[in-house]
C-alpha atoms as a PDB file:
ATOM      1  CA  MET A   1     -43.875 -45.784 -23.765  1.00  0.00           C
ATOM      2  CA  ARG A   2     -41.563 -44.078 -21.310  1.00  0.00           C
ATOM      3  CA  LEU A   3     -38.827 -46.505 -22.280  1.00  0.00           C
ATOM      4  CA  GLY A   4     -38.877 -45.598 -25.964  1.00  0.00           C
ATOM      5  CA  GLN A   5     -40.544 -48.656 -27.523  1.00  0.00           C
ATOM      6  CA  ARG A   6     -42.555 -48.240 -30.740  1.00  0.00           C
ATOM      7  CA  LEU A   7     -46.168 -49.496 -30.539  1.00  0.00           C
ATOM      8  CA  VAL A   8     -48.767 -50.204 -33.244  1.00  0.00           C
ATOM      9  CA  ALA A   9     -52.545 -50.587 -33.466  1.00  0.00           C
ATOM     10  CA  GLU A  10     -54.537 -51.819 -36.442  1.00  0.00           C
ATOM     11  CA  VAL A  11     -57.481 -49.504 -37.091  1.00  0.00           C
ATOM     12  CA  PRO A  12     -60.366 -49.522 -39.572  1.00  0.00           C
ATOM     13  CA  ALA A  13     -59.186 -48.900 -43.136  1.00  0.00           C
ATOM     14  CA  SER A  14     -60.605 -46.365 -45.570  1.00  0.00           C
ATOM     15  CA  ARG A  15     -62.392 -49.003 -47.645  1.00  0.00           C
ATOM     16  CA  PRO A  16     -62.502 -52.756 -48.353  1.00  0.00           C
ATOM     17  CA  GLY A  17     -59.220 -54.178 -49.596  1.00  0.00           C
ATOM     18  CA  ARG A  18     -57.200 -51.748 -47.489  1.00  0.00           C
ATOM     19  CA  ARG A  19     -55.581 -52.140 -44.063  1.00  0.00           C
ATOM     20  CA  ALA A  20     -54.639 -49.319 -41.730  1.00  0.00           C
ATOM     21  CA  PHE A  21     -52.301 -48.943 -38.783  1.00  0.00           C
ATOM     22  CA  VAL A  22     -51.429 -46.218 -36.311  1.00  0.00           C
ATOM     23  CA  ASP A  23     -47.981 -46.276 -34.808  1.00  0.00           C
ATOM     24  CA  ILE A  24     -46.518 -44.383 -31.894  1.00  0.00           C
ATOM     25  CA  THR A  25     -42.775 -43.899 -32.209  1.00  0.00           C
ATOM     26  CA  PRO A  26     -40.890 -42.325 -29.314  1.00  0.00           C
ATOM     27  CA  LEU A  27     -38.145 -40.035 -30.603  1.00  0.00           C
ATOM     28  CA  THR A  28     -34.646 -40.973 -29.512  1.00  0.00           C
ATOM     29  CA  THR A  29     -32.515 -38.489 -27.589  1.00  0.00           C
ATOM     30  CA  SER A  30     -28.814 -38.452 -26.794  1.00  0.00           C
ATOM     31  CA  GLY A  31     -29.756 -39.677 -23.310  1.00  0.00           C
ATOM     32  CA  ASP A  32     -31.414 -42.730 -24.871  1.00  0.00           C
ATOM     33  CA  VAL A  33     -28.329 -43.437 -26.977  1.00  0.00           C
ATOM     34  CA  GLN A  34     -26.077 -43.228 -23.924  1.00  0.00           C
ATOM     35  CA  ALA A  35     -28.389 -45.494 -21.903  1.00  0.00           C
ATOM     36  CA  ARG A  36     -28.434 -48.057 -24.736  1.00  0.00           C
ATOM     37  CA  ARG A  37     -24.616 -48.053 -24.799  1.00  0.00           C
ATOM     38  CA  GLU A  38     -24.668 -48.761 -21.065  1.00  0.00           C
ATOM     39  CA  GLY A  39     -27.161 -51.600 -21.510  1.00  0.00           C
ATOM     40  CA  TRP A  40     -30.349 -50.056 -20.126  1.00  0.00           C
ATOM     41  CA  LYS A  41     -33.370 -48.013 -21.276  1.00  0.00           C
ATOM     42  CA  ARG A  42     -34.047 -44.507 -20.009  1.00  0.00           C
ATOM     43  CA  ALA A  43     -37.555 -43.663 -18.779  1.00  0.00           C
ATOM     44  CA  ASP A  44     -38.826 -40.185 -19.693  1.00  0.00           C
ATOM     45  CA  ARG A  45     -42.294 -38.818 -18.892  1.00  0.00           C
ATOM     46  CA  ALA A  46     -41.621 -35.803 -21.116  1.00  0.00           C
ATOM     47  CA  ARG A  47     -40.602 -37.896 -24.118  1.00  0.00           C
ATOM     48  CA  THR A  48     -41.548 -36.687 -27.612  1.00  0.00           C
ATOM     49  CA  PHE A  49     -43.752 -39.064 -29.631  1.00  0.00           C
ATOM     50  CA  ARG A  50     -44.507 -39.219 -33.359  1.00  0.00           C
ATOM     51  CA  LEU A  51     -47.900 -40.670 -34.296  1.00  0.00           C
ATOM     52  CA  GLN A  52     -48.670 -41.777 -37.851  1.00  0.00           C
ATOM     53  CA  HIS A  53     -51.849 -43.251 -39.313  1.00  0.00           C
ATOM     54  CA  TRP A  54     -51.139 -45.141 -42.562  1.00  0.00           C
ATOM     55  CA  ASP A  55     -53.641 -46.760 -44.927  1.00  0.00           C
ATOM     56  CA  TYR A  56     -52.205 -49.546 -47.137  1.00  0.00           C
ATOM     57  CA  ASP A  57     -53.255 -51.729 -50.047  1.00  0.00           C
ATOM     58  CA  GLY A  58     -54.257 -54.866 -48.129  1.00  0.00           C
ATOM     59  CA  GLU A  59     -52.581 -57.203 -50.626  1.00  0.00           C
ATOM     60  CA  ARG A  60     -49.212 -55.470 -50.230  1.00  0.00           C
ATOM     61  CA  VAL A  61     -49.007 -55.414 -46.418  1.00  0.00           C
ATOM     62  CA  ALA A  62     -47.100 -58.693 -46.242  1.00  0.00           C
ATOM     63  CA  GLY A  63     -44.653 -57.875 -49.057  1.00  0.00           C
ATOM     64  CA  PHE A  64     -41.641 -55.706 -49.693  1.00  0.00           C
ATOM     65  CA  ASP A  65     -43.675 -53.180 -51.677  1.00  0.00           C
ATOM     66  CA  TYR A  66     -46.050 -52.319 -48.838  1.00  0.00           C
ATOM     67  CA  ASP A  67     -45.484 -48.605 -49.437  1.00  0.00           C
ATOM     68  CA  VAL A  68     -46.862 -48.706 -53.014  1.00  0.00           C
ATOM     69  CA  GLY A  69     -50.281 -47.106 -52.781  1.00  0.00           C
ATOM     70  CA  ALA A  70     -49.848 -46.301 -49.078  1.00  0.00           C
ATOM     71  CA  VAL A  71     -51.503 -43.118 -47.856  1.00  0.00           C
ATOM     72  CA  LEU A  72     -50.497 -41.139 -44.781  1.00  0.00           C
ATOM     73  CA  VAL A  73     -53.902 -40.299 -43.319  1.00  0.00           C
ATOM     74  CA  ARG A  74     -52.658 -38.092 -40.486  1.00  0.00           C
ATOM     75  CA  ALA A  75     -49.615 -37.466 -38.353  1.00  0.00           C
ATOM     76  CA  ALA A  76     -48.788 -35.630 -35.156  1.00  0.00           C
ATOM     77  CA  THR A  77     -45.822 -34.988 -32.910  1.00  0.00           C
ATOM     78  CA  VAL A  78     -46.539 -34.495 -29.221  1.00  0.00           C
ATOM     79  CA  VAL A  79     -44.443 -33.907 -26.123  1.00  0.00           C
ATOM     80  CA  GLY A  80     -45.251 -35.795 -22.940  1.00  0.00           C
ATOM     81  CA  GLU A  81     -47.656 -38.492 -21.906  1.00  0.00           C
ATOM     82  CA  ALA A  82     -50.557 -36.103 -21.291  1.00  0.00           C
ATOM     83  CA  ALA A  83     -50.359 -34.751 -24.842  1.00  0.00           C
ATOM     84  CA  LEU A  84     -50.047 -38.304 -26.168  1.00  0.00           C
ATOM     85  CA  ALA A  85     -53.173 -39.367 -24.271  1.00  0.00           C
ATOM     86  CA  GLY A  86     -55.026 -36.292 -25.559  1.00  0.00           C
ATOM     87  CA  THR A  87     -54.087 -37.003 -29.168  1.00  0.00           C
ATOM     88  CA  LEU A  88     -55.061 -40.659 -28.859  1.00  0.00           C
ATOM     89  CA  GLY A  89     -58.418 -39.553 -27.463  1.00  0.00           C
ATOM     90  CA  ALA A  90     -58.911 -37.078 -30.312  1.00  0.00           C
ATOM     91  CA  TRP A  91     -58.145 -39.877 -32.781  1.00  0.00           C
ATOM     92  CA  ARG A  92     -60.626 -42.135 -30.915  1.00  0.00           C
ATOM     93  CA  LEU A  93     -57.938 -44.611 -29.889  1.00  0.00           C
ATOM     94  CA  ARG A  94     -57.230 -46.222 -26.534  1.00  0.00           C
ATOM     95  CA  PRO A  95     -53.766 -47.052 -25.175  1.00  0.00           C
ATOM     96  CA  GLU A  96     -54.724 -50.710 -24.717  1.00  0.00           C
ATOM     97  CA  GLN A  97     -55.205 -51.076 -28.500  1.00  0.00           C
ATOM     98  CA  PHE A  98     -51.466 -50.728 -29.056  1.00  0.00           C
ATOM     99  CA  LEU A  99     -49.163 -53.735 -29.265  1.00  0.00           C
ATOM    100  CA  PHE A 100     -45.498 -54.315 -29.941  1.00  0.00           C
ATOM    101  CA  PRO A 101     -44.962 -54.185 -33.730  1.00  0.00           C
ATOM    102  CA  TRP A 102     -43.972 -57.853 -33.944  1.00  0.00           C
ATOM    103  CA  ARG A 103     -47.388 -58.802 -32.566  1.00  0.00           C
ATOM    104  CA  THR A 104     -49.157 -57.028 -35.457  1.00  0.00           C
ATOM    105  CA  ASP A 105     -49.197 -57.186 -39.256  1.00  0.00           C
ATOM    106  CA  ASP A 106     -47.825 -53.646 -39.496  1.00  0.00           C
ATOM    107  CA  PRO A 107     -45.510 -53.684 -42.526  1.00  0.00           C
ATOM    108  CA  ARG A 108     -43.084 -51.093 -41.213  1.00  0.00           C
END
């Protein structure tokens, strides 16, 4: 997470026929942009993270219209790894549940 990589976890959906995902997206800073230009990734323990829990129509997850009928269940923005860990705990999630997006069915 310190290096600014988005991660995703599939979580229980609101009801049958739905699928839900929580994503953690590190916010990019000017320091990250400069590091990317130089060919490296900047580590930052005080990075700001956006968390979003989305609930989707299960039949639309694999298509282009995945956002039709999607519901944002909850969202939070936190600063630093301690706050991130606290929010994950409050949401009853564990860091090891999260994978790189390409290893999940997350439509975003």
